[in-house]
């Protein structure tokens, strides 16, 4: 039961880490005028492709993190319901 909670937290934290790292690299690559500076065309294409792929991976991690969190809440609700039914059944 707690595995889904841990997985959701790990997915969401790793998503935030990836997004922070990509945006930080983008920020420090900009000139004072706001243009991004690359040493070559090939390097710009490769880096932009990796950053775009990283952002898609972070979106997928957000979805998985939210699904794991939803799954944990459903498991928690179901276990509380079963415990309540057991207690009420024993009192009858």
PDB file of N, CA and C in Angstrom:
ATOM      1  N   UNK A   1       0.820  -1.186   0.000  1.00  0.00           N
ATOM      2  CA  UNK A   1       0.000   0.000   0.000  1.00  0.00           C
ATOM      3  C   UNK A   1       0.863   1.249   0.000  1.00  0.00           C
ATOM      4  N   UNK A   2       1.915   1.247   0.808  1.00  0.00           N
ATOM      5  CA  UNK A   2       2.771   2.431   0.855  1.00  0.00           C
ATOM      6  C   UNK A   2       3.699   2.508  -0.342  1.00  0.00           C
ATOM      7  N   UNK A   3       3.832   1.419  -1.073  1.00  0.00           N
ATOM      8  CA  UNK A   3       4.688   1.437  -2.265  1.00  0.00           C
ATOM      9  C   UNK A   3       4.133   2.400  -3.307  1.00  0.00           C
ATOM     10  N   UNK A   4       2.827   2.450  -3.465  1.00  0.00           N
ATOM     11  CA  UNK A   4       2.252   3.373  -4.438  1.00  0.00           C
ATOM     12  C   UNK A   4       2.457   4.819  -4.014  1.00  0.00           C
ATOM     13  N   UNK A   5       2.397   5.077  -2.714  1.00  0.00           N
ATOM     14  CA  UNK A   5       2.648   6.441  -2.229  1.00  0.00           C
ATOM     15  C   UNK A   5       4.099   6.827  -2.482  1.00  0.00           C
ATOM     16  N   UNK A   6       5.019   5.925  -2.212  1.00  0.00           N
ATOM     17  CA  UNK A   6       6.441   6.205  -2.431  1.00  0.00           C
ATOM     18  C   UNK A   6       6.713   6.410  -3.922  1.00  0.00           C
ATOM     19  N   UNK A   7       6.115   5.561  -4.764  1.00  0.00           N
ATOM     20  CA  UNK A   7       6.302   5.710  -6.206  1.00  0.00           C
ATOM     21  C   UNK A   7       5.735   7.031  -6.718  1.00  0.00           C
ATOM     22  N   UNK A   8       4.603   7.444  -6.185  1.00  0.00           N
ATOM     23  CA  UNK A   8       4.022   8.712  -6.631  1.00  0.00           C
ATOM     24  C   UNK A   8       4.903   9.882  -6.220  1.00  0.00           C
ATOM     25  N   UNK A   9       5.420   9.845  -5.004  1.00  0.00           N
ATOM     26  CA  UNK A   9       6.294  10.928  -4.546  1.00  0.00           C
ATOM     27  C   UNK A   9       7.584  10.955  -5.360  1.00  0.00           C
ATOM     28  N   UNK A  10       8.161   9.781  -5.622  1.00  0.00           N
ATOM     29  CA  UNK A  10       9.387   9.725  -6.419  1.00  0.00           C
ATOM     30  C   UNK A  10       9.154  10.227  -7.842  1.00  0.00           C
ATOM     31  N   UNK A  11       8.041   9.846  -8.441  1.00  0.00           N
ATOM     32  CA  UNK A  11       7.740  10.289  -9.808  1.00  0.00           C
ATOM     33  C   UNK A  11       7.555  11.800  -9.861  1.00  0.00           C
ATOM     34  N   UNK A  12       6.835  12.347  -8.902  1.00  0.00           N
ATOM     35  CA  UNK A  12       6.594  13.790  -8.908  1.00  0.00           C
ATOM     36  C   UNK A  12       7.865  14.576  -8.598  1.00  0.00           C
ATOM     37  N   UNK A  13       8.686  14.084  -7.674  1.00  0.00           N
ATOM     38  CA  UNK A  13       9.933  14.777  -7.364  1.00  0.00           C
ATOM     39  C   UNK A  13      10.923  14.704  -8.526  1.00  0.00           C
ATOM     40  N   UNK A  14      11.007  13.548  -9.179  1.00  0.00           N
ATOM     41  CA  UNK A  14      11.915  13.445 -10.319  1.00  0.00           C
ATOM     42  C   UNK A  14      11.434  14.319 -11.468  1.00  0.00           C
ATOM     43  N   UNK A  15      10.126  14.429 -11.640  1.00  0.00           N
ATOM     44  CA  UNK A  15       9.571  15.317 -12.653  1.00  0.00           C
ATOM     45  C   UNK A  15       9.971  16.758 -12.375  1.00  0.00           C
ATOM     46  N   UNK A  16       9.833  17.180 -11.129  1.00  0.00           N
ATOM     47  CA  UNK A  16      10.218  18.544 -10.770  1.00  0.00           C
ATOM     48  C   UNK A  16      11.712  18.768 -10.971  1.00  0.00           C
ATOM     49  N   UNK A  17      12.517  17.769 -10.649  1.00  0.00           N
ATOM     50  CA  UNK A  17      13.959  17.883 -10.831  1.00  0.00           C
ATOM     51  C   UNK A  17      14.345  18.027 -12.296  1.00  0.00           C
ATOM     52  N   UNK A  18      13.719  17.229 -13.150  1.00  0.00           N
ATOM     53  CA  UNK A  18      14.012  17.305 -14.584  1.00  0.00           C
ATOM     54  C   UNK A  18      13.612  18.659 -15.137  1.00  0.00           C
ATOM     55  N   UNK A  19      12.423  19.129 -14.787  1.00  0.00           N
ATOM     56  CA  UNK A  19      11.948  20.428 -15.280  1.00  0.00           C
ATOM     57  C   UNK A  19      12.849  21.561 -14.790  1.00  0.00           C
ATOM     58  N   UNK A  20      13.256  21.503 -13.531  1.00  0.00           N
ATOM     59  CA  UNK A  20      14.131  22.534 -12.981  1.00  0.00           C
ATOM     60  C   UNK A  20      15.467  22.545 -13.711  1.00  0.00           C
ATOM     61  N   UNK A  21      16.043  21.362 -13.933  1.00  0.00           N
ATOM     62  CA  UNK A  21      17.348  21.261 -14.584  1.00  0.00           C
ATOM     63  C   UNK A  21      17.291  21.802 -16.017  1.00  0.00           C
ATOM     64  N   UNK A  22      16.246  21.452 -16.762  1.00  0.00           N
ATOM     65  CA  UNK A  22      16.114  21.914 -18.143  1.00  0.00           C
ATOM     66  C   UNK A  22      15.926  23.431 -18.185  1.00  0.00           C
ATOM     67  N   UNK A  23      15.047  23.948 -17.349  1.00  0.00           N
ATOM     68  CA  UNK A  23      14.793  25.388 -17.361  1.00  0.00           C
ATOM     69  C   UNK A  23      16.001  26.187 -16.874  1.00  0.00           C
ATOM     70  N   UNK A  24      16.754  25.636 -15.941  1.00  0.00           N
ATOM     71  CA  UNK A  24      17.952  26.312 -15.455  1.00  0.00           C
ATOM     72  C   UNK A  24      19.005  26.381 -16.554  1.00  0.00           C
ATOM     73  N   UNK A  25      19.194  25.282 -17.292  1.00  0.00           N
ATOM     74  CA  UNK A  25      20.148  25.274 -18.407  1.00  0.00           C
ATOM     75  C   UNK A  25      19.735  26.286 -19.469  1.00  0.00           C
ATOM     76  N   UNK A  26      18.440  26.361 -19.754  1.00  0.00           N
ATOM     77  CA  UNK A  26      17.929  27.315 -20.734  1.00  0.00           C
ATOM     78  C   UNK A  26      18.182  28.757 -20.285  1.00  0.00           C
ATOM     79  N   UNK A  27      17.984  29.008 -19.008  1.00  0.00           N
ATOM     80  CA  UNK A  27      18.175  30.354 -18.463  1.00  0.00           C
ATOM     81  C   UNK A  27      19.626  30.801 -18.597  1.00  0.00           C
ATOM     82  N   UNK A  28      20.562  29.947 -18.228  1.00  0.00           N
ATOM     83  CA  UNK A  28      21.970  30.324 -18.269  1.00  0.00           C
ATOM     84  C   UNK A  28      22.546  30.312 -19.684  1.00  0.00           C
ATOM     85  N   UNK A  29      21.823  29.777 -20.642  1.00  0.00           N
ATOM     86  CA  UNK A  29      22.277  29.781 -22.022  1.00  0.00           C
ATOM     87  C   UNK A  29      21.877  31.067 -22.738  1.00  0.00           C
ATOM     88  N   UNK A  30      21.029  31.856 -22.149  1.00  0.00           N
ATOM     89  CA  UNK A  30      20.539  33.068 -22.805  1.00  0.00           C
ATOM     90  C   UNK A  30      21.528  34.228 -22.652  1.00  0.00           C
ATOM     91  N   UNK A  31      21.566  35.067 -23.686  1.00  0.00           N
ATOM     92  CA  UNK A  31      22.383  36.275 -23.650  1.00  0.00           C
ATOM     93  C   UNK A  31      21.579  37.392 -22.979  1.00  0.00           C
ATOM     94  N   UNK A  32      22.200  38.533 -22.719  1.00  0.00           N
ATOM     95  CA  UNK A  32      21.438  39.642 -22.112  1.00  0.00           C
ATOM     96  C   UNK A  32      20.264  40.114 -22.970  1.00  0.00           C
ATOM     97  N   UNK A  33      20.312  39.865 -24.252  1.00  0.00           N
ATOM     98  CA  UNK A  33      19.211  40.255 -25.130  1.00  0.00           C
ATOM     99  C   UNK A  33      18.110  39.206 -25.198  1.00  0.00           C
ATOM    100  N   UNK A  34      18.321  38.033 -24.609  1.00  0.00           N
ATOM    101  CA  UNK A  34      17.295  36.996 -24.556  1.00  0.00           C
ATOM    102  C   UNK A  34      17.441  35.903 -25.587  1.00  0.00           C
ATOM    103  N   UNK A  35      18.465  35.984 -26.424  1.00  0.00           N
ATOM    104  CA  UNK A  35      18.670  34.948 -27.436  1.00  0.00           C
ATOM    105  C   UNK A  35      19.518  33.820 -26.853  1.00  0.00           C
ATOM    106  N   UNK A  36      19.180  32.595 -27.237  1.00  0.00           N
ATOM    107  CA  UNK A  36      19.966  31.454 -26.773  1.00  0.00           C
ATOM    108  C   UNK A  36      21.230  31.333 -27.615  1.00  0.00           C
ATOM    109  N   UNK A  37      22.357  31.062 -26.947  1.00  0.00           N
ATOM    110  CA  UNK A  37      23.621  30.961 -27.654  1.00  0.00           C
ATOM    111  C   UNK A  37      24.134  29.535 -27.712  1.00  0.00           C
ATOM    112  N   UNK A  38      24.431  29.065 -28.919  1.00  0.00           N
ATOM    113  CA  UNK A  38      25.003  27.739 -29.131  1.00  0.00           C
ATOM    114  C   UNK A  38      26.283  27.898 -29.929  1.00  0.00           C
ATOM    115  N   UNK A  39      27.211  26.979 -29.743  1.00  0.00           N
ATOM    116  CA  UNK A  39      28.473  27.066 -30.467  1.00  0.00           C
ATOM    117  C   UNK A  39      28.352  26.552 -31.901  1.00  0.00           C
ATOM    118  N   UNK A  40      27.368  25.692 -32.185  1.00  0.00           N
ATOM    119  CA  UNK A  40      27.168  25.200 -33.546  1.00  0.00           C
ATOM    120  C   UNK A  40      25.700  24.822 -33.745  1.00  0.00           C
ATOM    121  N   UNK A  41      25.335  24.694 -34.999  1.00  0.00           N
ATOM    122  CA  UNK A  41      23.969  24.325 -35.351  1.00  0.00           C
ATOM    123  C   UNK A  41      23.635  22.917 -34.855  1.00  0.00           C
ATOM    124  N   UNK A  42      24.577  21.987 -35.050  1.00  0.00           N
ATOM    125  CA  UNK A  42      24.349  20.605 -34.648  1.00  0.00           C
ATOM    126  C   UNK A  42      24.139  20.497 -33.145  1.00  0.00           C
ATOM    127  N   UNK A  43      24.926  21.261 -32.406  1.00  0.00           N
ATOM    128  CA  UNK A  43      24.794  21.244 -30.951  1.00  0.00           C
ATOM    129  C   UNK A  43      23.432  21.794 -30.524  1.00  0.00           C
ATOM    130  N   UNK A  44      22.969  22.832 -31.201  1.00  0.00           N
ATOM    131  CA  UNK A  44      21.667  23.405 -30.846  1.00  0.00           C
ATOM    132  C   UNK A  44      20.538  22.425 -31.128  1.00  0.00           C
ATOM    133  N   UNK A  45      20.605  21.738 -32.275  1.00  0.00           N
ATOM    134  CA  UNK A  45      19.562  20.773 -32.630  1.00  0.00           C
ATOM    135  C   UNK A  45      19.553  19.620 -31.626  1.00  0.00           C
ATOM    136  N   UNK A  46      20.730  19.113 -31.290  1.00  0.00           N
ATOM    137  CA  UNK A  46      20.832  17.985 -30.369  1.00  0.00           C
ATOM    138  C   UNK A  46      20.353  18.365 -28.964  1.00  0.00           C
ATOM    139  N   UNK A  47      20.782  19.522 -28.476  1.00  0.00           N
ATOM    140  CA  UNK A  47      20.401  19.949 -27.132  1.00  0.00           C
ATOM    141  C   UNK A  47      18.910  20.231 -27.061  1.00  0.00           C
ATOM    142  N   UNK A  48      18.372  20.902 -28.067  1.00  0.00           N
ATOM    143  CA  UNK A  48      16.937  21.187 -28.058  1.00  0.00           C
ATOM    144  C   UNK A  48      16.114  19.902 -28.149  1.00  0.00           C
ATOM    145  N   UNK A  49      16.595  18.909 -28.902  1.00  0.00           N
ATOM    146  CA  UNK A  49      15.912  17.621 -28.970  1.00  0.00           C
ATOM    147  C   UNK A  49      15.924  16.925 -27.609  1.00  0.00           C
ATOM    148  N   UNK A  50      17.081  16.938 -26.940  1.00  0.00           N
ATOM    149  CA  UNK A  50      17.166  16.319 -25.609  1.00  0.00           C
ATOM    150  C   UNK A  50      16.267  17.033 -24.601  1.00  0.00           C
ATOM    151  N   UNK A  51      16.236  18.356 -24.663  1.00  0.00           N
ATOM    152  CA  UNK A  51      15.380  19.095 -23.725  1.00  0.00           C
ATOM    153  C   UNK A  51      13.908  18.831 -24.000  1.00  0.00           C
ATOM    154  N   UNK A  52      13.528  18.761 -25.262  1.00  0.00           N
ATOM    155  CA  UNK A  52      12.137  18.467 -25.604  1.00  0.00           C
ATOM    156  C   UNK A  52      11.761  17.061 -25.136  1.00  0.00           C
ATOM    157  N   UNK A  53      12.666  16.109 -25.333  1.00  0.00           N
ATOM    158  CA  UNK A  53      12.426  14.741 -24.876  1.00  0.00           C
ATOM    159  C   UNK A  53      12.334  14.694 -23.356  1.00  0.00           C
ATOM    160  N   UNK A  54      13.205  15.431 -22.681  1.00  0.00           N
ATOM    161  CA  UNK A  54      13.165  15.491 -21.216  1.00  0.00           C
ATOM    162  C   UNK A  54      11.866  16.069 -20.700  1.00  0.00           C
ATOM    163  N   UNK A  55      11.351  17.085 -21.378  1.00  0.00           N
ATOM    164  CA  UNK A  55      10.068  17.659 -20.948  1.00  0.00           C
ATOM    165  C   UNK A  55       8.928  16.667 -21.144  1.00  0.00           C
ATOM    166  N   UNK A  56       8.951  15.904 -22.235  1.00  0.00           N
ATOM    167  CA  UNK A  56       7.913  14.887 -22.438  1.00  0.00           C
ATOM    168  C   UNK A  56       8.008  13.791 -21.385  1.00  0.00           C
ATOM    169  N   UNK A  57       9.231  13.424 -21.031  1.00  0.00           N
ATOM    170  CA  UNK A  57       9.415  12.429 -19.970  1.00  0.00           C
ATOM    171  C   UNK A  57       8.865  12.965 -18.654  1.00  0.00           C
ATOM    172  N   UNK A  58       9.086  14.250 -18.386  1.00  0.00           N
ATOM    173  CA  UNK A  58       8.565  14.816 -17.140  1.00  0.00           C
ATOM    174  C   UNK A  58       7.037  14.866 -17.150  1.00  0.00           C
ATOM    175  N   UNK A  59       6.426  15.120 -18.310  1.00  0.00           N
ATOM    176  CA  UNK A  59       4.957  15.079 -18.390  1.00  0.00           C
ATOM    177  C   UNK A  59       4.443  13.670 -18.095  1.00  0.00           C
ATOM    178  N   UNK A  60       5.123  12.677 -18.634  1.00  0.00           N
ATOM    179  CA  UNK A  60       4.735  11.283 -18.387  1.00  0.00           C
ATOM    180  C   UNK A  60       4.890  10.950 -16.901  1.00  0.00           C
ATOM    181  N   UNK A  61       5.972  11.448 -16.283  1.00  0.00           N
ATOM    182  CA  UNK A  61       6.164  11.207 -14.845  1.00  0.00           C
ATOM    183  C   UNK A  61       5.083  11.885 -14.017  1.00  0.00           C
ATOM    184  N   UNK A  62       4.622  13.058 -14.440  1.00  0.00           N
ATOM    185  CA  UNK A  62       3.523  13.723 -13.742  1.00  0.00           C
ATOM    186  C   UNK A  62       2.273  12.853 -13.792  1.00  0.00           C
ATOM    187  N   UNK A  63       1.973  12.333 -14.977  1.00  0.00           N
ATOM    188  CA  UNK A  63       0.780  11.485 -15.129  1.00  0.00           C
ATOM    189  C   UNK A  63       0.901  10.236 -14.259  1.00  0.00           C
ATOM    190  N   UNK A  64       2.074   9.563 -14.310  1.00  0.00           N
ATOM    191  CA  UNK A  64       2.255   8.371 -13.485  1.00  0.00           C
ATOM    192  C   UNK A  64       2.189   8.712 -11.996  1.00  0.00           C
ATOM    193  N   UNK A  65       2.790   9.825 -11.597  1.00  0.00           N
ATOM    194  CA  UNK A  65       2.750  10.228 -10.193  1.00  0.00           C
ATOM    195  C   UNK A  65       1.331  10.471  -9.713  1.00  0.00           C
ATOM    196  N   UNK A  66       0.540  11.156 -10.535  1.00  0.00           N
ATOM    197  CA  UNK A  66      -0.852  11.404 -10.156  1.00  0.00           C
ATOM    198  C   UNK A  66      -1.676  10.124 -10.147  1.00  0.00           C
ATOM    199  N   UNK A  67      -1.407   9.219 -11.092  1.00  0.00           N
ATOM    200  CA  UNK A  67      -2.120   7.937 -11.097  1.00  0.00           C
ATOM    201  C   UNK A  67      -1.759   7.098  -9.873  1.00  0.00           C
ATOM    202  N   UNK A  68      -0.483   7.077  -9.504  1.00  0.00           N
ATOM    203  CA  UNK A  68      -0.075   6.348  -8.299  1.00  0.00           C
ATOM    204  C   UNK A  68      -0.697   6.971  -7.053  1.00  0.00           C
ATOM    205  N   UNK A  69      -0.757   8.296  -7.006  1.00  0.00           N
ATOM    206  CA  UNK A  69      -1.372   8.973  -5.861  1.00  0.00           C
ATOM    207  C   UNK A  69      -2.866   8.652  -5.787  1.00  0.00           C
ATOM    208  N   UNK A  70      -3.541   8.644  -6.930  1.00  0.00           N
ATOM    209  CA  UNK A  70      -4.956   8.287  -6.963  1.00  0.00           C
ATOM    210  C   UNK A  70      -5.149   6.837  -6.526  1.00  0.00           C
ATOM    211  N   UNK A  71      -4.269   5.952  -7.001  1.00  0.00           N
ATOM    212  CA  UNK A  71      -4.350   4.544  -6.619  1.00  0.00           C
ATOM    213  C   UNK A  71      -4.158   4.376  -5.113  1.00  0.00           C
ATOM    214  N   UNK A  72      -3.214   5.109  -4.544  1.00  0.00           N
ATOM    215  CA  UNK A  72      -2.989   5.046  -3.098  1.00  0.00           C
ATOM    216  C   UNK A  72      -4.217   5.512  -2.331  1.00  0.00           C
ATOM    217  N   UNK A  73      -4.837   6.591  -2.792  1.00  0.00           N
ATOM    218  CA  UNK A  73      -6.024   7.082  -2.081  1.00  0.00           C
ATOM    219  C   UNK A  73      -7.172   6.083  -2.166  1.00  0.00           C
ATOM    220  N   UNK A  74      -7.324   5.420  -3.320  1.00  0.00           N
ATOM    221  CA  UNK A  74      -8.369   4.408  -3.452  1.00  0.00           C
ATOM    222  C   UNK A  74      -8.089   3.211  -2.543  1.00  0.00           C
ATOM    223  N   UNK A  75      -6.824   2.753  -2.495  1.00  0.00           N
ATOM    224  CA  UNK A  75      -6.463   1.639  -1.610  1.00  0.00           C
ATOM    225  C   UNK A  75      -6.710   2.000  -0.157  1.00  0.00           C
ATOM    226  N   UNK A  76      -6.347   3.213   0.203  1.00  0.00           N
ATOM    227  CA  UNK A  76      -6.527   3.670   1.574  1.00  0.00           C
ATOM    228  C   UNK A  76      -8.011   3.731   1.926  1.00  0.00           C
ATOM    229  N   UNK A  77      -8.815   4.246   1.018  1.00  0.00           N
ATOM    230  CA  UNK A  77     -10.255   4.333   1.254  1.00  0.00           C
ATOM    231  C   UNK A  77     -10.870   2.937   1.363  1.00  0.00           C
ATOM    232  N   UNK A  78     -10.453   2.015   0.485  1.00  0.00           N
ATOM    233  CA  UNK A  78     -10.982   0.653   0.521  1.00  0.00           C
ATOM    234  C   UNK A  78     -10.592  -0.081   1.795  1.00  0.00           C
ATOM    235  N   UNK A  79      -9.351   0.103   2.252  1.00  0.00           N
ATOM    236  CA  UNK A  79      -8.922  -0.577   3.477  1.00  0.00           C
ATOM    237  C   UNK A  79      -9.665  -0.030   4.698  1.00  0.00           C
ATOM    238  N   UNK A  80      -9.909   1.268   4.740  1.00  0.00           N
ATOM    239  CA  UNK A  80     -10.679   1.845   5.840  1.00  0.00           C
ATOM    240  C   UNK A  80     -12.114   1.330   5.824  1.00  0.00           C
ATOM    241  N   UNK A  81     -12.676   1.191   4.622  1.00  0.00           N
ATOM    242  CA  UNK A  81     -14.032   0.686   4.496  1.00  0.00           C
ATOM    243  C   UNK A  81     -14.117  -0.759   4.961  1.00  0.00           C
ATOM    244  N   UNK A  82     -13.124  -1.592   4.603  1.00  0.00           N
ATOM    245  CA  UNK A  82     -13.117  -2.990   5.037  1.00  0.00           C
ATOM    246  C   UNK A  82     -12.981  -3.101   6.554  1.00  0.00           C
ATOM    247  N   UNK A  83     -12.116  -2.283   7.144  1.00  0.00           N
ATOM    248  CA  UNK A  83     -11.940  -2.304   8.601  1.00  0.00           C
ATOM    249  C   UNK A  83     -13.242  -1.904   9.282  1.00  0.00           C
ATOM    250  N   UNK A  84     -13.909  -0.888   8.752  1.00  0.00           N
ATOM    251  CA  UNK A  84     -15.170  -0.442   9.337  1.00  0.00           C
ATOM    252  C   UNK A  84     -16.239  -1.533   9.206  1.00  0.00           C
ATOM    253  N   UNK A  85     -16.271  -2.237   8.081  1.00  0.00           N
ATOM    254  CA  UNK A  85     -17.237  -3.317   7.901  1.00  0.00           C
ATOM    255  C   UNK A  85     -16.944  -4.475   8.854  1.00  0.00           C
ATOM    256  N   UNK A  86     -15.661  -4.792   9.067  1.00  0.00           N
ATOM    257  CA  UNK A  86     -15.289  -5.862   9.995  1.00  0.00           C
ATOM    258  C   UNK A  86     -15.704  -5.535  11.418  1.00  0.00           C
ATOM    259  N   UNK A  87     -15.492  -4.291  11.822  1.00  0.00           N
ATOM    260  CA  UNK A  87     -15.858  -3.867  13.168  1.00  0.00           C
ATOM    261  C   UNK A  87     -17.369  -3.923  13.346  1.00  0.00           C
ATOM    262  N   UNK A  88     -18.108  -3.408  12.360  1.00  0.00           N
ATOM    263  CA  UNK A  88     -19.573  -3.440  12.487  1.00  0.00           C
ATOM    264  C   UNK A  88     -20.110  -4.866  12.399  1.00  0.00           C
ATOM    265  N   UNK A  89     -19.443  -5.745  11.659  1.00  0.00           N
ATOM    266  CA  UNK A  89     -19.877  -7.136  11.551  1.00  0.00           C
ATOM    267  C   UNK A  89     -19.627  -7.881  12.863  1.00  0.00           C
ATOM    268  N   UNK A  90     -18.537  -7.564  13.554  1.00  0.00           N
ATOM    269  CA  UNK A  90     -18.238  -8.226  14.806  1.00  0.00           C
ATOM    270  C   UNK A  90     -19.204  -7.824  15.918  1.00  0.00           C
ATOM    271  N   UNK A  91     -19.730  -6.615  15.853  1.00  0.00           N
ATOM    272  CA  UNK A  91     -20.651  -6.151  16.876  1.00  0.00           C
ATOM    273  C   UNK A  91     -22.058  -6.714  16.709  1.00  0.00           C
ATOM    274  N   UNK A  92     -22.318  -7.306  15.580  1.00  0.00           N
ATOM    275  CA  UNK A  92     -23.674  -7.858  15.341  1.00  0.00           C
ATOM    276  C   UNK A  92     -23.816  -9.172  15.948  1.00  0.00           C
TER     277      UNK A  92
END
